[in-house]
Amino acid sequence: MAALTLGFTGMDASTESELRRAFEQALPVAGGGWQLVPDTHADYVVVDMDSMYGPMSWLRLHAAGKHVVGLTAAPRTQTPYRIGRPVEPDELARLLRDIREANGVAAEPVAAPGPSAPTPAPTPVAVTPSQPSGMTPSPQPEDQLPEERPAHAAAAELPANPEAITEPAAVAEEPPSVAVGQVLPAAPSIEPTAAPSAPADTPRPVAPAAPLRDAEPRTLAEWLASGRLRGRLRFAQGDASVLIDADQRQYYGASSLKPVTPLFERDATLADFEAVSPDVWSAQTAALGTAQPLSRLVWYGALLAGEGRVAPGYEADERFRLLKWPQTEREFPKHFRIATAMMKGPATVKEIAEASSVPESEVADFVNASLATGFAEPFREPEPEPETSKSGGLFGRLRGR
């Protein structure tokens, strides 16, 4: 059987160079059977799902019947295959071998160099720092939406400041954005509540995540957004529970979100957060697997909090826009359509619902979750340019004579 073909798209040049180097190292380990070709001719295509245009590339390739491999720092992706970031040649070799064997392609013998053939010294390679996740300086032209092409650039302008587009953390992360305070009320900071343990586990100070308010948090979502939790804690309701590392902004629990829904349906006090000792923490987290970003729970709490209505503080006819592509959840497949519609430009909940064919209640919930985690913001029309600045310069002064 002919060799399988692999291509790259939806990524910047430095990321593609990194993948090519990893492929060259992984191919002999994987047993061969692969060939690099342009993405338009490839059976399997690697797409940078963390870039702004990656999900659009995936949508185009999926419609064309291609097999898509998602490159992402997140533990999950909507593509059938995944490569973690940073790219590890061993991980890529395992993926190439598994796909080759599943397609019945025999391994190719790897010829060892003869005794008289000296092994060439490796050529130093200058590694160019990759662009922050969520930004693609040179997207593929076919991945651009009509509104993002030069003729329509002014109508659908995305922020040019890199600091306005932040990378969704895979492990450690920043506290939730200020927008959380508008969706989930916050409360003043207090002293650490976790029981003291070994000196190495002493929590470091964490700034409040949202504007201070007098209201006491009432739910798990509000506590997570308040910045008042410290240390390693357990929160449970019936059979549902999570282990929270408030200082590292991580949690351990079910890989999907819907099983933890009961945690957001009850009122919570500070006493409901049980401090966990270091030995119990180590044993239980080892059984639960990889840590997940606490912002994922904040996102889900905000998704449930509005119950189909835009959060207080925002108007129903207000326009919203995505700052970058969010990490959509497999449990909510309609969110991909909502995000695709929002990427076209600022729009109201009603306009987004019509463009995505999704009920307005689900759009409102998605907007709330995106606002709470900093993926979206309300759109404000820019202030009109002052008349004095329009008539400045030499020609303006000449006209004023």
Protein backbone atom coordinates (compact mmCIF):
# COMPACT_ATOMS: atom_id res chain seq x y z
CA MET A 1 0.00 0.00 0.00
CA ALA A 2 1.27 3.52 -0.82
CA ALA A 3 2.62 5.72 1.95
CA LEU A 4 0.20 7.93 3.86
CA THR A 5 0.48 11.68 3.31
CA LEU A 6 0.66 14.44 5.91
CA GLY A 7 0.33 18.23 5.55
CA PHE A 8 0.22 21.35 7.74
CA THR A 9 -2.10 24.39 7.65
CA GLY A 10 -3.68 27.10 9.83
CA MET A 11 -0.41 27.96 11.63
CA ASP A 12 2.49 30.42 11.54
CA ALA A 13 5.86 29.68 9.95
CA SER A 14 7.70 28.96 13.22
CA THR A 15 5.10 26.40 14.30
CA GLU A 16 5.30 24.68 10.91
CA SER A 17 9.11 24.56 11.13
CA GLU A 18 8.86 23.01 14.59
CA LEU A 19 6.46 20.36 13.28
CA ARG A 20 8.69 19.54 10.31
CA ARG A 21 11.69 19.01 12.58
CA ALA A 22 9.61 16.81 14.89
CA PHE A 23 8.33 14.82 11.88
CA GLU A 24 11.88 14.17 10.65
CA GLN A 25 12.84 12.82 14.08
CA ALA A 26 9.63 10.84 14.57
CA LEU A 27 9.40 9.15 11.15
CA PRO A 28 12.18 6.51 11.68
CA VAL A 29 10.83 5.71 15.16
CA ALA A 30 7.28 5.34 13.77
CA GLY A 31 8.45 2.83 11.14
CA GLY A 32 8.12 5.13 8.12
CA GLY A 33 5.10 4.85 5.84
CA TRP A 34 4.52 8.63 5.70
CA GLN A 35 5.30 11.43 3.27
CA LEU A 36 5.06 15.20 3.75
CA VAL A 37 3.00 16.95 1.03
CA PRO A 38 1.08 20.26 0.69
CA ASP A 39 -2.08 20.25 2.79
CA THR A 40 -4.30 20.35 -0.33
CA HIS A 41 -2.95 16.93 -1.37
CA ALA A 42 -2.61 15.34 2.09
CA ASP A 43 -4.77 12.56 3.56
CA TYR A 44 -4.09 13.81 7.11
CA VAL A 45 -3.63 17.50 7.90
CA VAL A 46 -2.24 19.02 11.12
CA VAL A 47 -4.09 22.22 12.14
CA ASP A 48 -3.06 24.62 14.91
CA MET A 49 -6.32 24.64 16.88
CA ASP A 50 -4.97 27.29 19.28
CA SER A 51 -4.60 29.84 16.49
CA MET A 52 -7.37 32.23 15.47
CA TYR A 53 -7.82 30.60 12.07
CA GLY A 54 -7.22 26.97 13.10
CA PRO A 55 -10.87 26.09 13.83
CA MET A 56 -11.88 27.64 10.49
CA SER A 57 -9.26 25.47 8.76
CA TRP A 58 -10.70 22.45 10.57
CA LEU A 59 -14.19 23.31 9.36
CA ARG A 60 -12.99 23.61 5.75
CA LEU A 61 -10.95 20.39 5.88
CA HIS A 62 -13.72 18.46 7.61
CA ALA A 63 -16.14 19.45 4.83
CA ALA A 64 -13.56 18.28 2.27
CA GLY A 65 -13.36 14.83 3.89
CA LYS A 66 -9.83 15.23 5.26
CA HIS A 67 -8.58 13.61 8.45
CA VAL A 68 -7.59 16.45 10.82
CA VAL A 69 -4.94 16.28 13.54
CA GLY A 70 -5.36 19.08 16.09
CA LEU A 71 -2.24 20.73 17.50
CA THR A 72 -3.21 22.23 20.87
CA ALA A 73 -1.99 22.91 24.39
CA ALA A 74 -5.47 22.06 25.73
CA PRO A 75 -6.15 18.50 26.96
CA ARG A 76 -9.13 18.22 24.58
CA THR A 77 -9.89 19.11 20.98
CA GLN A 78 -12.80 18.60 18.59
CA THR A 79 -10.55 16.92 16.00
CA PRO A 80 -10.31 13.09 15.85
CA TYR A 81 -6.53 13.16 16.45
CA ARG A 82 -4.45 15.37 18.75
CA ILE A 83 -0.82 16.46 19.15
CA GLY A 84 0.13 18.24 22.35
CA ARG A 85 2.01 21.51 22.56
CA PRO A 86 4.99 21.78 22.80
CA VAL A 87 5.47 19.15 20.10
CA GLU A 88 7.27 16.02 21.33
CA PRO A 89 8.78 13.77 18.59
CA ASP A 90 7.98 10.64 20.66
CA GLU A 91 4.30 11.58 20.90
CA LEU A 92 4.18 12.35 17.18
CA ALA A 93 5.89 9.01 16.42
CA ARG A 94 3.23 7.11 18.40
CA LEU A 95 0.45 8.91 16.55
CA LEU A 96 2.01 8.25 13.13
CA ARG A 97 2.54 4.58 13.97
CA ASP A 98 -1.03 4.12 15.28
CA ILE A 99 -2.58 5.72 12.17
CA ARG A 100 -0.27 3.75 9.84
CA GLU A 101 -1.13 0.43 11.51
CA ALA A 102 -4.87 1.27 11.51
CA ASN A 103 -4.65 1.79 7.73
CA GLY A 104 -2.77 -1.46 7.17
CA VAL A 105 0.40 0.23 5.88
CA ALA A 106 3.48 -1.89 6.51
CA ALA A 107 6.47 -0.42 8.31
CA GLU A 108 9.43 0.53 6.18
CA PRO A 109 12.87 -0.86 7.11
CA VAL A 110 15.18 1.85 8.36
CA ALA A 111 18.67 1.38 6.89
CA ALA A 112 21.49 1.87 9.36
CA PRO A 113 24.53 3.77 8.04
CA GLY A 114 27.44 1.56 6.97
CA PRO A 115 30.70 1.48 8.97
CA SER A 116 32.51 3.52 6.31
CA ALA A 117 29.85 6.18 6.11
CA PRO A 118 30.49 8.78 8.82
CA THR A 119 27.45 10.16 10.55
CA PRO A 120 27.11 13.85 9.67
CA ALA A 121 27.13 16.25 12.58
CA PRO A 122 23.73 17.82 13.24
CA THR A 123 23.33 21.30 11.86
CA PRO A 124 22.41 23.86 14.52
CA VAL A 125 18.89 25.12 13.99
CA ALA A 126 17.84 28.56 15.15
CA VAL A 127 14.48 28.22 16.79
CA THR A 128 12.24 31.22 16.24
CA PRO A 129 9.98 31.94 19.22
CA SER A 130 6.48 30.89 18.33
CA GLN A 131 3.62 33.36 18.28
CA PRO A 132 1.30 33.40 21.29
CA SER A 133 -1.52 30.90 21.03
CA GLY A 134 -4.63 32.50 19.55
CA MET A 135 -2.71 34.65 17.07
CA THR A 136 -1.85 33.84 13.47
CA PRO A 137 0.22 36.55 11.75
CA SER A 138 -0.04 34.97 8.29
CA PRO A 139 -3.21 32.86 7.99
CA GLN A 140 -3.92 30.82 4.90
CA PRO A 141 -6.05 32.95 2.51
CA GLU A 142 -8.63 30.20 2.15
CA ASP A 143 -9.10 30.14 5.94
CA GLN A 144 -10.22 33.77 6.13
CA LEU A 145 -13.86 34.67 6.43
CA PRO A 146 -15.17 37.14 3.81
CA GLU A 147 -15.46 39.80 6.50
CA GLU A 148 -11.74 39.42 7.32
CA ARG A 149 -10.44 39.99 3.81
CA PRO A 150 -9.00 43.44 2.93
CA ALA A 151 -12.20 44.71 1.30
CA HIS A 152 -14.09 44.23 4.55
CA ALA A 153 -11.33 44.72 7.10
CA ALA A 154 -12.89 47.85 8.56
CA ALA A 155 -16.24 46.12 9.08
CA ALA A 156 -14.88 43.22 11.13
CA GLU A 157 -11.77 44.45 12.85
CA LEU A 158 -10.19 42.30 15.55
CA PRO A 159 -7.88 43.78 18.23
CA ALA A 160 -4.28 44.25 17.12
CA ASN A 161 -2.82 44.44 20.63
CA PRO A 162 -1.32 41.02 21.53
CA GLU A 163 -2.06 41.65 25.20
CA ALA A 164 -5.77 41.80 24.36
CA ILE A 165 -5.61 38.22 23.07
CA THR A 166 -4.30 35.91 25.75
CA GLU A 167 -3.53 32.23 25.60
CA PRO A 168 -5.93 29.85 27.44
CA ALA A 169 -3.68 28.23 30.03
CA ALA A 170 -3.43 24.45 30.01
CA VAL A 171 -2.13 24.13 33.59
CA ALA A 172 -1.29 27.30 35.52
CA GLU A 173 -3.26 30.38 34.56
CA GLU A 174 -4.08 33.94 35.42
CA PRO A 175 -7.05 34.69 37.69
CA PRO A 176 -10.37 35.23 35.89
CA SER A 177 -10.77 38.52 34.08
CA VAL A 178 -12.56 41.52 35.54
CA ALA A 179 -15.55 40.57 33.37
CA VAL A 180 -16.19 37.74 35.85
CA GLY A 181 -17.34 40.24 38.42
CA GLN A 182 -20.19 41.27 36.14
CA VAL A 183 -21.41 37.71 35.71
CA LEU A 184 -20.51 36.17 39.06
CA PRO A 185 -20.42 38.60 42.04
CA ALA A 186 -17.19 38.72 44.02
CA ALA A 187 -16.52 39.39 47.70
CA PRO A 188 -13.69 40.88 49.83
CA SER A 189 -10.54 38.83 50.41
CA ILE A 190 -10.03 37.10 53.77
CA GLU A 191 -7.27 35.09 55.42
CA PRO A 192 -6.42 31.58 54.09
CA THR A 193 -8.99 28.96 55.09
CA ALA A 194 -7.05 25.77 54.38
CA ALA A 195 -5.49 23.99 57.36
CA PRO A 196 -1.72 24.67 57.58
CA SER A 197 0.49 21.83 56.40
CA ALA A 198 4.17 21.43 55.59
CA PRO A 199 6.10 24.67 54.91
CA ALA A 200 6.39 23.74 51.19
CA ASP A 201 2.60 23.83 50.89
CA THR A 202 2.23 27.34 52.35
CA PRO A 203 -0.04 29.21 49.92
CA ARG A 204 1.32 32.34 48.34
CA PRO A 205 -0.81 35.51 48.31
CA VAL A 206 -3.26 35.74 45.42
CA ALA A 207 -4.84 39.01 44.34
CA PRO A 208 -8.65 39.19 44.20
CA ALA A 209 -9.94 38.08 40.81
CA ALA A 210 -12.69 40.69 40.48
CA PRO A 211 -13.84 44.03 41.89
CA LEU A 212 -14.55 43.79 45.61
CA ARG A 213 -18.16 43.77 46.73
CA ASP A 214 -19.89 43.40 50.06
CA ALA A 215 -22.06 40.46 49.00
CA GLU A 216 -21.05 37.05 50.38
CA PRO A 217 -20.55 34.44 47.63
CA ARG A 218 -23.47 32.01 47.57
CA THR A 219 -22.51 29.37 44.98
CA LEU A 220 -19.40 27.49 43.86
CA ALA A 221 -19.17 29.70 40.78
CA GLU A 222 -19.20 32.86 42.91
CA TRP A 223 -16.57 31.47 45.28
CA LEU A 224 -14.28 30.54 42.39
CA ALA A 225 -14.58 34.07 40.98
CA SER A 226 -14.20 35.85 44.34
CA GLY A 227 -10.50 35.15 44.94
CA ARG A 228 -11.23 34.26 48.58
CA LEU A 229 -10.32 30.57 48.39
CA ARG A 230 -6.82 29.50 49.43
CA GLY A 231 -4.95 26.21 49.56
CA ARG A 232 -6.07 22.72 48.53
CA LEU A 233 -9.76 22.05 49.06
CA ARG A 234 -12.54 19.58 48.31
CA PHE A 235 -16.07 20.66 47.36
CA ALA A 236 -18.77 18.00 47.04
CA GLN A 237 -22.49 17.56 46.48
CA GLY A 238 -23.81 14.00 46.56
CA ASP A 239 -21.71 11.87 44.22
CA ALA A 240 -20.19 14.90 42.47
CA SER A 241 -16.99 16.45 43.81
CA VAL A 242 -13.86 18.36 42.74
CA LEU A 243 -10.45 18.92 44.30
CA ILE A 244 -9.47 22.59 44.02
CA ASP A 245 -5.93 23.97 44.15
CA ALA A 246 -6.91 27.61 44.61
CA ASP A 247 -3.32 28.92 44.65
CA GLN A 248 -2.34 27.21 41.38
CA ARG A 249 -5.75 27.92 39.78
CA GLN A 250 -6.26 24.22 38.96
CA TYR A 251 -8.78 21.51 39.78
CA TYR A 252 -9.06 17.73 39.57
CA GLY A 253 -12.31 16.00 38.73
CA ALA A 254 -14.37 14.47 35.94
CA SER A 255 -12.98 15.07 32.45
CA SER A 256 -16.43 16.24 31.25
CA LEU A 257 -18.46 19.08 32.74
CA LYS A 258 -22.05 17.87 32.96
CA PRO A 259 -21.29 15.38 35.79
CA VAL A 260 -20.30 18.31 38.06
CA THR A 261 -23.52 20.27 37.39
CA PRO A 262 -24.92 19.46 40.90
CA LEU A 263 -22.02 21.41 42.42
CA PHE A 264 -23.42 24.63 40.92
CA GLU A 265 -27.04 23.99 41.93
CA ARG A 266 -26.61 24.39 45.68
CA ASP A 267 -25.75 27.31 47.93
CA ALA A 268 -22.26 27.19 49.40
CA THR A 269 -20.58 28.66 52.46
CA LEU A 270 -16.90 28.81 53.33
CA ALA A 271 -17.37 25.83 55.65
CA ASP A 272 -18.39 23.65 52.68
CA PHE A 273 -14.81 23.76 51.34
CA GLU A 274 -12.91 21.00 53.11
CA ALA A 275 -9.14 21.38 53.50
CA VAL A 276 -7.19 18.39 52.15
CA SER A 277 -3.92 17.18 53.71
CA PRO A 278 -0.85 16.70 51.46
CA ASP A 279 -0.83 12.88 51.63
CA VAL A 280 -4.56 12.57 50.84
CA TRP A 281 -4.18 15.15 48.05
CA SER A 282 -1.33 13.22 46.40
CA ALA A 283 -3.22 9.92 46.51
CA GLN A 284 -6.52 11.27 45.21
CA THR A 285 -5.14 13.54 42.46
CA ALA A 286 -3.00 10.68 41.13
CA ALA A 287 -6.20 8.68 40.60
CA LEU A 288 -7.97 11.60 38.89
CA GLY A 289 -5.31 12.26 36.25
CA THR A 290 -4.19 15.57 34.78
CA ALA A 291 -4.99 18.90 36.43
CA GLN A 292 -7.45 21.12 34.60
CA PRO A 293 -7.56 24.94 34.57
CA LEU A 294 -9.90 26.42 37.15
CA SER A 295 -11.19 28.81 34.48
CA ARG A 296 -13.01 25.81 32.97
CA LEU A 297 -15.21 25.60 36.08
CA VAL A 298 -15.65 29.39 36.06
CA TRP A 299 -16.74 29.14 32.41
CA TYR A 300 -19.25 26.39 33.21
CA GLY A 301 -20.60 28.20 36.25
CA ALA A 302 -21.23 31.31 34.15
CA LEU A 303 -22.84 29.17 31.44
CA LEU A 304 -25.38 27.88 33.97
CA ALA A 305 -25.85 31.09 35.99
CA GLY A 306 -27.83 33.13 33.45
CA GLU A 307 -30.43 30.42 32.76
CA GLY A 308 -30.85 31.55 29.16
CA ARG A 309 -30.62 35.30 29.76
CA VAL A 310 -27.73 37.73 29.34
CA ALA A 311 -26.05 38.41 32.68
CA PRO A 312 -27.10 41.46 34.73
CA GLY A 313 -25.21 44.56 33.69
CA TYR A 314 -25.61 43.89 29.95
CA GLU A 315 -28.50 44.75 27.65
CA ALA A 316 -30.33 42.21 25.49
CA ASP A 317 -29.75 44.36 22.39
CA GLU A 318 -26.07 44.96 23.19
CA ARG A 319 -23.49 43.78 20.66
CA PHE A 320 -20.75 41.34 21.68
CA ARG A 321 -17.59 40.14 19.97
CA LEU A 322 -15.07 37.34 20.53
CA LEU A 323 -11.49 38.42 21.20
CA LYS A 324 -10.18 34.99 20.16
CA TRP A 325 -11.44 31.51 19.46
CA PRO A 326 -12.52 29.74 22.69
CA GLN A 327 -11.83 26.11 23.58
CA THR A 328 -15.26 24.64 22.83
CA GLU A 329 -16.49 21.59 24.75
CA ARG A 330 -17.54 18.35 23.08
CA GLU A 331 -20.61 18.27 25.34
CA PHE A 332 -21.91 21.46 23.70
CA PRO A 333 -21.54 20.98 19.93
CA LYS A 334 -23.71 24.02 19.12
CA HIS A 335 -21.09 26.27 20.68
CA PHE A 336 -18.86 25.76 17.65
CA ARG A 337 -21.57 27.29 15.44
CA ILE A 338 -22.10 30.17 17.88
CA ALA A 339 -18.37 30.96 18.00
CA THR A 340 -18.12 30.80 14.21
CA ALA A 341 -20.93 33.35 13.90
CA MET A 342 -19.40 35.64 16.55
CA MET A 343 -16.00 35.62 14.83
CA LYS A 344 -17.59 37.39 11.86
CA GLY A 345 -17.96 40.60 13.84
CA PRO A 346 -19.86 42.28 16.71
CA ALA A 347 -23.52 41.20 16.92
CA THR A 348 -26.46 41.03 19.32
CA VAL A 349 -27.67 37.78 20.86
CA LYS A 350 -30.58 37.74 18.41
CA GLU A 351 -28.30 38.28 15.40
CA ILE A 352 -25.90 35.56 16.58
CA ALA A 353 -28.81 33.16 17.08
CA GLU A 354 -30.10 33.80 13.56
CA ALA A 355 -26.63 33.41 12.00
CA SER A 356 -25.87 30.16 13.87
CA SER A 357 -29.40 28.64 13.89
CA VAL A 358 -29.12 28.20 17.67
CA PRO A 359 -31.80 29.33 20.19
CA GLU A 360 -31.23 32.72 21.77
CA SER A 361 -31.18 31.19 25.27
CA GLU A 362 -28.16 29.03 24.39
CA VAL A 363 -26.43 31.97 22.73
CA ALA A 364 -26.97 34.09 25.86
CA ASP A 365 -25.46 31.34 28.04
CA PHE A 366 -22.44 31.06 25.73
CA VAL A 367 -21.96 34.84 25.75
CA ASN A 368 -22.10 34.87 29.58
CA ALA A 369 -19.45 32.13 29.81
CA SER A 370 -17.21 33.89 27.29
CA LEU A 371 -17.52 37.22 29.12
CA ALA A 372 -16.68 35.57 32.45
CA THR A 373 -13.46 34.02 31.14
CA GLY A 374 -12.26 36.94 29.03
CA PHE A 375 -12.90 35.39 25.60
CA ALA A 376 -15.55 38.00 24.72
CA GLU A 377 -16.38 41.60 25.47
CA PRO A 378 -19.22 44.02 24.77
CA PHE A 379 -18.58 46.03 21.62
CA ARG A 380 -18.34 49.79 21.96
CA GLU A 381 -18.42 52.08 18.95
CA PRO A 382 -15.19 54.11 18.73
CA GLU A 383 -15.46 57.76 19.67
CA PRO A 384 -15.78 60.10 16.65
CA GLU A 385 -12.60 61.89 15.71
CA PRO A 386 -12.54 65.52 16.94
CA GLU A 387 -13.12 68.10 14.25
CA THR A 388 -9.97 69.99 15.26
CA SER A 389 -7.74 67.01 14.47
CA LYS A 390 -9.34 66.53 11.06
CA SER A 391 -8.32 70.03 9.91
CA GLY A 392 -4.77 69.92 11.27
CA GLY A 393 -1.56 70.03 9.26
CA LEU A 394 -0.28 72.44 6.62
CA PHE A 395 -3.18 72.05 4.20
CA GLY A 396 -5.70 72.47 6.98
CA ARG A 397 -4.14 75.74 8.03
CA LEU A 398 -4.08 76.94 4.39
CA ARG A 399 -7.78 76.13 4.02
CA GLY A 400 -8.53 78.04 7.21
CA ARG A 401 -7.15 81.32 5.80
